[in-house]
C-alpha atoms as a PDB file:
ATOM      1  CA  MET A   1       0.071   0.083   0.112  1.00  0.00           C
ATOM      2  CA  PRO A   2       1.284   3.568  -0.273  1.00  0.00           C
ATOM      3  CA  PHE A   3       0.884   3.942   3.408  1.00  0.00           C
ATOM      4  CA  ASP A   4       2.775   2.547   5.980  1.00  0.00           C
ATOM      5  CA  ALA A   5       1.113  -0.556   6.971  1.00  0.00           C
ATOM      6  CA  ASN A   6       2.110   0.052  10.255  1.00  0.00           C
ATOM      7  CA  LEU A   7       0.597   3.394  10.908  1.00  0.00           C
ATOM      8  CA  VAL A   8      -3.185   2.119   9.821  1.00  0.00           C
ATOM      9  CA  LEU A   9      -5.887   3.318  12.618  1.00  0.00           C
ATOM     10  CA  VAL A  10      -8.817   2.134  10.723  1.00  0.00           C
ATOM     11  CA  ASP A  11      -7.933  -0.249   8.140  1.00  0.00           C
ATOM     12  CA  GLY A  12     -11.389  -0.032   5.964  1.00  0.00           C
ATOM     13  CA  SER A  13     -12.269  -3.919   6.568  1.00  0.00           C
ATOM     14  CA  VAL A  14     -15.058  -3.202   8.449  1.00  0.00           C
ATOM     15  CA  ASP A  15     -17.976  -0.714   7.661  1.00  0.00           C
ATOM     16  CA  LEU A  16     -18.579   2.321   9.467  1.00  0.00           C
ATOM     17  CA  ILE A  17     -22.039   2.398  11.188  1.00  0.00           C
ATOM     18  CA  PRO A  18     -22.934   3.205  14.764  1.00  0.00           C
ATOM     19  CA  THR A  19     -22.249  -0.361  16.338  1.00  0.00           C
ATOM     20  CA  THR A  20     -18.430  -0.121  14.676  1.00  0.00           C
ATOM     21  CA  ASP A  21     -17.538   3.165  15.662  1.00  0.00           C
ATOM     22  CA  THR A  22     -15.911   2.533  18.779  1.00  0.00           C
ATOM     23  CA  ALA A  23     -12.493   4.307  19.822  1.00  0.00           C
ATOM     24  CA  PRO A  24      -9.717   1.000  19.776  1.00  0.00           C
ATOM     25  CA  THR A  25      -8.354   0.800  23.331  1.00  0.00           C
ATOM     26  CA  SER A  26      -5.313  -2.109  22.000  1.00  0.00           C
ATOM     27  CA  THR A  27      -2.450  -2.015  19.798  1.00  0.00           C
ATOM     28  CA  THR A  28      -3.882  -5.306  18.565  1.00  0.00           C
ATOM     29  CA  ARG A  29      -6.269  -4.402  15.791  1.00  0.00           C
ATOM     30  CA  ASP A  30     -10.069  -4.951  16.704  1.00  0.00           C
ATOM     31  CA  ALA A  31     -11.861  -7.346  14.223  1.00  0.00           C
ATOM     32  CA  THR A  32     -15.240  -5.983  14.843  1.00  0.00           C
ATOM     33  CA  THR A  33     -13.898  -2.182  13.810  1.00  0.00           C
ATOM     34  CA  GLY A  34     -11.020  -2.509  11.758  1.00  0.00           C
ATOM     35  CA  ALA A  35      -9.632   0.216  14.297  1.00  0.00           C
ATOM     36  CA  ALA A  36      -6.184   0.066  16.418  1.00  0.00           C
ATOM     37  CA  VAL A  37      -3.885   2.044  18.852  1.00  0.00           C
ATOM     38  CA  ILE A  38      -0.662   2.943  17.040  1.00  0.00           C
ATOM     39  CA  ASP A  39       2.392   2.836  19.191  1.00  0.00           C
ATOM     40  CA  LEU A  40       5.025   5.120  17.935  1.00  0.00           C
ATOM     41  CA  GLY A  41       7.745   3.549  20.091  1.00  0.00           C
ATOM     42  CA  THR A  42       8.631   6.738  21.881  1.00  0.00           C
ATOM     43  CA  THR A  43       8.098   7.051  25.874  1.00  0.00           C
ATOM     44  CA  VAL A  44       9.497  10.510  26.457  1.00  0.00           C
ATOM     45  CA  ARG A  45       8.480  13.364  24.709  1.00  0.00           C
ATOM     46  CA  PRO A  46       8.798  17.217  26.126  1.00  0.00           C
ATOM     47  CA  ARG A  47       5.667  19.101  25.947  1.00  0.00           C
ATOM     48  CA  GLY A  48       5.360  22.862  25.284  1.00  0.00           C
ATOM     49  CA  GLY A  49       7.232  23.475  22.403  1.00  0.00           C
ATOM     50  CA  SER A  50       8.482  21.459  18.743  1.00  0.00           C
ATOM     51  CA  GLU A  51      11.342  19.749  20.564  1.00  0.00           C
ATOM     52  CA  GLY A  52      10.636  16.003  20.317  1.00  0.00           C
ATOM     53  CA  ALA A  53       6.861  16.517  18.942  1.00  0.00           C
ATOM     54  CA  ILE A  54       6.318  14.378  15.665  1.00  0.00           C
ATOM     55  CA  HIS A  55       4.468  16.113  12.949  1.00  0.00           C
ATOM     56  CA  LEU A  56       2.075  13.927  11.381  1.00  0.00           C
ATOM     57  CA  THR A  57      -1.066  13.849   8.943  1.00  0.00           C
ATOM     58  CA  ALA A  58      -3.989  11.781   9.251  1.00  0.00           C
ATOM     59  CA  THR A  59      -5.795  10.929   6.094  1.00  0.00           C
ATOM     60  CA  LEU A  60      -9.504   9.822   6.195  1.00  0.00           C
ATOM     61  CA  ILE A  61     -10.583   8.063   3.316  1.00  0.00           C
ATOM     62  CA  LEU A  62     -14.687   7.697   2.663  1.00  0.00           C
ATOM     63  CA  PRO A  63     -15.361   5.150  -0.425  1.00  0.00           C
ATOM     64  CA  SER A  64     -18.704   6.177  -0.696  1.00  0.00           C
ATOM     65  CA  ALA A  65     -21.866   8.319   0.329  1.00  0.00           C
ATOM     66  CA  PRO A  66     -23.733   7.564   3.522  1.00  0.00           C
ATOM     67  CA  THR A  67     -27.029   5.586   3.225  1.00  0.00           C
ATOM     68  CA  THR A  68     -29.125   7.916   5.630  1.00  0.00           C
ATOM     69  CA  TYR A  69     -30.032  11.271   6.001  1.00  0.00           C
ATOM     70  CA  ALA A  70     -29.833  13.569   8.963  1.00  0.00           C
ATOM     71  CA  ASP A  71     -26.323  11.784   9.746  1.00  0.00           C
ATOM     72  CA  THR A  72     -23.198  13.044  10.466  1.00  0.00           C
ATOM     73  CA  LEU A  73     -19.811  11.883  11.119  1.00  0.00           C
ATOM     74  CA  THR A  74     -17.244  13.209  13.911  1.00  0.00           C
ATOM     75  CA  VAL A  75     -13.493  12.235  13.281  1.00  0.00           C
ATOM     76  CA  THR A  76     -10.689  13.116  15.829  1.00  0.00           C
ATOM     77  CA  VAL A  77      -7.262  12.196  16.435  1.00  0.00           C
ATOM     78  CA  GLU A  78      -6.132  11.417  20.084  1.00  0.00           C
ATOM     79  CA  GLN A  79      -2.857  10.713  22.137  1.00  0.00           C
ATOM     80  CA  SER A  80      -2.258   9.012  25.158  1.00  0.00           C
ATOM     81  CA  ASP A  81       0.951   7.847  27.352  1.00  0.00           C
ATOM     82  CA  ASP A  82      -1.129   5.114  29.073  1.00  0.00           C
ATOM     83  CA  ALA A  83       0.183   1.520  27.996  1.00  0.00           C
ATOM     84  CA  GLY A  84      -3.221   0.477  29.620  1.00  0.00           C
ATOM     85  CA  ASN A  85      -5.386   2.903  27.224  1.00  0.00           C
ATOM     86  CA  ALA A  86      -7.606   4.066  30.236  1.00  0.00           C
ATOM     87  CA  ALA A  87     -10.275   6.118  28.523  1.00  0.00           C
ATOM     88  CA  ALA A  88      -9.318   9.282  30.795  1.00  0.00           C
ATOM     89  CA  ALA A  89      -5.761   9.333  29.532  1.00  0.00           C
ATOM     90  CA  TRP A  90      -6.945  10.140  25.786  1.00  0.00           C
ATOM     91  CA  GLU A  91      -6.363  14.114  24.648  1.00  0.00           C
ATOM     92  CA  THR A  92      -7.850  15.121  21.346  1.00  0.00           C
ATOM     93  CA  ILE A  93      -4.826  16.632  19.108  1.00  0.00           C
ATOM     94  CA  GLY A  94      -6.495  17.112  15.619  1.00  0.00           C
ATOM     95  CA  ALA A  95      -9.798  17.136  14.243  1.00  0.00           C
ATOM     96  CA  PHE A  96     -11.989  17.054  11.216  1.00  0.00           C
ATOM     97  CA  PRO A  97     -14.477  19.224  10.179  1.00  0.00           C
ATOM     98  CA  VAL A  98     -18.226  17.725  10.999  1.00  0.00           C
ATOM     99  CA  LEU A  99     -19.155  15.577   8.011  1.00  0.00           C
ATOM    100  CA  TYR A 100     -22.845  16.204   7.282  1.00  0.00           C
ATOM    101  CA  ALA A 101     -24.694  13.697   5.117  1.00  0.00           C
ATOM    102  CA  LEU A 102     -26.718  14.546   2.092  1.00  0.00           C
ATOM    103  CA  THR A 103     -26.813  18.645   2.278  1.00  0.00           C
ATOM    104  CA  ARG A 104     -28.049  21.152  -0.110  1.00  0.00           C
ATOM    105  CA  LEU A 105     -26.846  24.769  -0.776  1.00  0.00           C
ATOM    106  CA  LEU A 106     -30.099  27.078  -0.833  1.00  0.00           C
ATOM    107  CA  SER A 107     -30.219  30.647  -2.235  1.00  0.00           C
ATOM    108  CA  ILE A 108     -33.149  32.476   0.079  1.00  0.00           C
ATOM    109  CA  THR A 109     -34.259  35.990  -0.261  1.00  0.00           C
ATOM    110  CA  VAL A 110     -35.427  37.033   3.389  1.00  0.00           C
ATOM    111  CA  THR A 111     -38.965  38.050   4.089  1.00  0.00           C
ATOM    112  CA  THR A 112     -38.334  38.021   7.804  1.00  0.00           C
ATOM    113  CA  ALA A 113     -34.683  38.065   9.166  1.00  0.00           C
ATOM    114  CA  PHE A 114     -32.951  35.108  10.212  1.00  0.00           C
ATOM    115  CA  VAL A 115     -31.029  35.000  13.627  1.00  0.00           C
ATOM    116  CA  ALA A 116     -28.136  33.134  14.416  1.00  0.00           C
ATOM    117  CA  ALA A 117     -29.826  31.131  16.639  1.00  0.00           C
ATOM    118  CA  ASP A 118     -31.963  29.696  13.687  1.00  0.00           C
ATOM    119  CA  ILE A 119     -28.698  27.685  12.878  1.00  0.00           C
ATOM    120  CA  ALA A 120     -29.677  23.745  14.118  1.00  0.00           C
ATOM    121  CA  GLU A 121     -33.307  24.749  13.847  1.00  0.00           C
ATOM    122  CA  THR A 122     -35.454  22.882  11.087  1.00  0.00           C
ATOM    123  CA  LEU A 123     -36.194  24.723   7.789  1.00  0.00           C
ATOM    124  CA  THR A 124     -39.535  23.830   6.223  1.00  0.00           C
ATOM    125  CA  GLY A 125     -40.609  24.198   2.672  1.00  0.00           C
ATOM    126  CA  GLY A 126     -44.095  25.792   2.811  1.00  0.00           C
ATOM    127  CA  THR A 127     -45.297  24.465  -0.568  1.00  0.00           C
ATOM    128  CA  THR A 128     -43.747  20.583  -0.387  1.00  0.00           C
ATOM    129  CA  GLY A 129     -43.005  20.382   3.159  1.00  0.00           C
ATOM    130  CA  ASP A 130     -39.532  19.585   2.864  1.00  0.00           C
ATOM    131  CA  THR A 131     -37.683  19.654   5.923  1.00  0.00           C
ATOM    132  CA  GLY A 132     -33.972  20.180   6.791  1.00  0.00           C
ATOM    133  CA  VAL A 133     -31.708  21.085   9.517  1.00  0.00           C
ATOM    134  CA  ILE A 134     -29.894  24.549   9.089  1.00  0.00           C
ATOM    135  CA  ARG A 135     -26.052  23.951   9.541  1.00  0.00           C
ATOM    136  CA  TRP A 136     -24.784  27.301   8.318  1.00  0.00           C
ATOM    137  CA  MET A 137     -25.972  30.371   6.532  1.00  0.00           C
ATOM    138  CA  HIS A 138     -24.343  33.717   5.118  1.00  0.00           C
ATOM    139  CA  PRO A 139     -24.534  36.617   7.584  1.00  0.00           C
ATOM    140  CA  ASP A 140     -26.709  38.573   4.728  1.00  0.00           C
ATOM    141  CA  LEU A 141     -29.591  36.186   5.767  1.00  0.00           C
ATOM    142  CA  TYR A 142     -29.965  38.398   8.974  1.00  0.00           C
ATOM    143  CA  THR A 143     -31.363  41.453   6.856  1.00  0.00           C
ATOM    144  CA  ILE A 144     -34.832  41.797   5.433  1.00  0.00           C
ATOM    145  CA  GLY A 145     -34.695  41.888   1.656  1.00  0.00           C
ATOM    146  CA  ASN A 146     -31.357  40.320   1.104  1.00  0.00           C
ATOM    147  CA  THR A 147     -30.367  37.334  -0.767  1.00  0.00           C
ATOM    148  CA  ALA A 148     -27.867  34.857   0.229  1.00  0.00           C
ATOM    149  CA  ASN A 149     -26.827  31.280   1.015  1.00  0.00           C
ATOM    150  CA  MET A 150     -27.825  28.579   3.407  1.00  0.00           C
ATOM    151  CA  ILE A 151     -26.680  25.088   4.021  1.00  0.00           C
ATOM    152  CA  VAL A 152     -29.395  22.618   4.953  1.00  0.00           C
ATOM    153  CA  ALA A 153     -28.841  19.058   5.798  1.00  0.00           C
ATOM    154  CA  MET A 154     -31.731  16.842   4.477  1.00  0.00           C
ATOM    155  CA  VAL A 155     -33.773  14.960   7.038  1.00  0.00           C
ATOM    156  CA  GLY A 156     -35.502  12.469   4.892  1.00  0.00           C
ATOM    157  CA  ALA A 157     -35.233  10.700   1.344  1.00  0.00           C
ATOM    158  CA  ASP A 158     -38.471  12.424   0.171  1.00  0.00           C
ATOM    159  CA  ASP A 159     -36.785  16.095   1.418  1.00  0.00           C
ATOM    160  CA  LEU A 160     -35.695  17.448  -1.914  1.00  0.00           C
ATOM    161  CA  PHE A 161     -35.657  21.075  -1.699  1.00  0.00           C
ATOM    162  CA  ASP A 162     -36.516  21.392  -5.314  1.00  0.00           C
ATOM    163  CA  ASP A 163     -39.220  23.623  -5.474  1.00  0.00           C
ATOM    164  CA  VAL A 164     -36.857  26.674  -6.116  1.00  0.00           C
ATOM    165  CA  ASP A 165     -39.458  29.409  -5.657  1.00  0.00           C
ATOM    166  CA  GLU A 166     -41.275  28.245  -2.701  1.00  0.00           C
ATOM    167  CA  ALA A 167     -41.456  30.174   0.963  1.00  0.00           C
ATOM    168  CA  VAL A 168     -39.423  28.280   3.347  1.00  0.00           C
ATOM    169  CA  SER A 169     -39.231  29.246   7.367  1.00  0.00           C
ATOM    170  CA  SER A 170     -37.342  28.535   9.908  1.00  0.00           C
ATOM    171  CA  GLY A 171     -38.488  26.525  13.361  1.00  0.00           C
ATOM    172  CA  GLY A 172     -36.993  29.471  14.889  1.00  0.00           C
ATOM    173  CA  THR A 173     -37.319  32.970  13.425  1.00  0.00           C
ATOM    174  CA  GLY A 174     -36.450  33.450   9.807  1.00  0.00           C
ATOM    175  CA  VAL A 175     -38.613  33.122   6.770  1.00  0.00           C
ATOM    176  CA  GLY A 176     -37.599  33.566   3.359  1.00  0.00           C
ATOM    177  CA  THR A 177     -38.575  32.635  -0.415  1.00  0.00           C
ATOM    178  CA  MET A 178     -36.250  30.294  -2.202  1.00  0.00           C
ATOM    179  CA  ASN A 179     -34.528  31.173  -5.407  1.00  0.00           C
ATOM    180  CA  GLY A 180     -32.061  28.519  -6.419  1.00  0.00           C
ATOM    181  CA  ALA A 181     -30.750  25.114  -4.944  1.00  0.00           C
ATOM    182  CA  GLY A 182     -27.531  23.233  -5.437  1.00  0.00           C
ATOM    183  CA  VAL A 183     -24.971  20.713  -4.304  1.00  0.00           C
ATOM    184  CA  VAL A 184     -22.969  21.593  -1.397  1.00  0.00           C
ATOM    185  CA  GLU A 185     -19.363  21.763  -2.676  1.00  0.00           C
ATOM    186  CA  ALA A 186     -17.780  22.852   0.967  1.00  0.00           C
ATOM    187  CA  LYS A 187     -18.259  22.262   4.721  1.00  0.00           C
ATOM    188  CA  PRO A 188     -17.239  19.631   3.380  1.00  0.00           C
ATOM    189  CA  ARG A 189     -19.707  17.468   1.349  1.00  0.00           C
ATOM    190  CA  LEU A 190     -20.284  13.755   1.456  1.00  0.00           C
ATOM    191  CA  SER A 191     -22.127  13.078  -1.841  1.00  0.00           C
ATOM    192  CA  GLY A 192     -19.446  10.249  -3.134  1.00  0.00           C
ATOM    193  CA  PRO A 193     -15.915   9.119  -2.385  1.00  0.00           C
ATOM    194  CA  ASN A 194     -13.853  11.686  -0.584  1.00  0.00           C
ATOM    195  CA  THR A 195     -10.321  12.086   0.953  1.00  0.00           C
ATOM    196  CA  PHE A 196      -9.548  14.571   4.008  1.00  0.00           C
ATOM    197  CA  THR A 197      -6.336  15.171   5.660  1.00  0.00           C
ATOM    198  CA  ARG A 198      -5.537  17.050   8.779  1.00  0.00           C
ATOM    199  CA  GLY A 199      -2.046  17.949  10.102  1.00  0.00           C
ATOM    200  CA  PHE A 200      -1.039  17.779  14.057  1.00  0.00           C
ATOM    201  CA  SER A 201       1.643  17.162  16.404  1.00  0.00           C
ATOM    202  CA  VAL A 202       1.980  14.342  18.945  1.00  0.00           C
ATOM    203  CA  THR A 203       3.598  14.403  21.869  1.00  0.00           C
ATOM    204  CA  LYS A 204       2.995  11.459  23.080  1.00  0.00           C
ATOM    205  CA  ARG A 205       3.451   7.703  22.550  1.00  0.00           C
ATOM    206  CA  TYR A 206       0.200   6.234  21.446  1.00  0.00           C
ATOM    207  CA  VAL A 207      -2.298   7.727  18.695  1.00  0.00           C
ATOM    208  CA  ARG A 208      -5.779   6.567  17.709  1.00  0.00           C
ATOM    209  CA  GLY A 209      -8.619   7.570  15.623  1.00  0.00           C
ATOM    210  CA  ASN A 210     -12.008   8.406  17.266  1.00  0.00           C
ATOM    211  CA  LEU A 211     -14.716   8.022  14.832  1.00  0.00           C
ATOM    212  CA  THR A 212     -18.547   8.672  15.638  1.00  0.00           C
ATOM    213  CA  VAL A 213     -21.477   8.147  13.665  1.00  0.00           C
ATOM    214  CA  SER A 214     -24.385  10.443  14.655  1.00  0.00           C
ATOM    215  CA  THR A 215     -27.376   7.929  14.267  1.00  0.00           C
ATOM    216  CA  GLY A 216     -27.776   5.297  11.665  1.00  0.00           C
ATOM    217  CA  GLY A 217     -26.688   4.026   8.062  1.00  0.00           C
ATOM    218  CA  ASN A 218     -23.463   2.970   6.783  1.00  0.00           C
ATOM    219  CA  PHE A 219     -20.584   5.194   5.841  1.00  0.00           C
ATOM    220  CA  GLY A 220     -18.737   2.162   4.100  1.00  0.00           C
ATOM    221  CA  ALA A 221     -15.091   1.069   4.340  1.00  0.00           C
ATOM    222  CA  VAL A 222     -14.006   3.954   5.921  1.00  0.00           C
ATOM    223  CA  GLN A 223      -9.954   4.187   6.244  1.00  0.00           C
ATOM    224  CA  MET A 224      -7.706   6.054   8.449  1.00  0.00           C
ATOM    225  CA  LEU A 225      -4.038   6.482   7.836  1.00  0.00           C
ATOM    226  CA  LEU A 226      -1.179   7.998   9.458  1.00  0.00           C
ATOM    227  CA  SER A 227       1.910   9.264   7.375  1.00  0.00           C
ATOM    228  CA  PRO A 228       4.369  11.983   8.081  1.00  0.00           C
ATOM    229  CA  TYR A 229       4.564  12.830   4.183  1.00  0.00           C
ATOM    230  CA  PRO A 230       1.104  12.080   2.589  1.00  0.00           C
ATOM    231  CA  PHE A 231       1.260  14.760   0.041  1.00  0.00           C
ATOM    232  CA  ARG A 232       4.237  12.477  -1.984  1.00  0.00           C
ATOM    233  CA  ARG A 233       1.639   9.614  -1.724  1.00  0.00           C
ATOM    234  CA  ILE A 234      -1.931  10.974  -2.501  1.00  0.00           C
END
């Protein structure tokens, strides 16, 4: 493989679903999750500066789109010096953006100003009854008459937000009229195979990935790999 076989956090042998997203607690690979703790082999590494730190990158490979709506994937990289891998000994040293399944980018003209508290509220289509959770909005939506974009995570398979001139309303405050819809190209999207990377510094001996699926569905044969020089490889 193009990556070091000894630096595989999650090997992709098991589909990532809510029952297989348990963080590993052993350097022996767990056959039920495909995950393992990586031992970097150094027991003393000074803290508080770059001296002794190892700079690595985690590469997350998602081979397919998830199979359910209203789902998220949270991924962190953690380190520990505890050979027994006690839960309290793990600390987060790197994090990927939360990956939202099946999202839309909506263009909305404001009729009742949205507010910041509308984020995480449910957006409902007045004609279709489509529903989705507001994940992000442009600040221009805080002013009546403006037209700006909003990212919405769809709740169900029948929530299409494809009626581009219907009125939409937040479960909180905002109301507007749609004038366009598209595929989300940022935040980042999960509409097919994707590869994401995150760099970080390690100051302890053991490293693991911690992947959490929010509700249900299948994210496929996810892999998570460590490398000191990933951009030569991918």
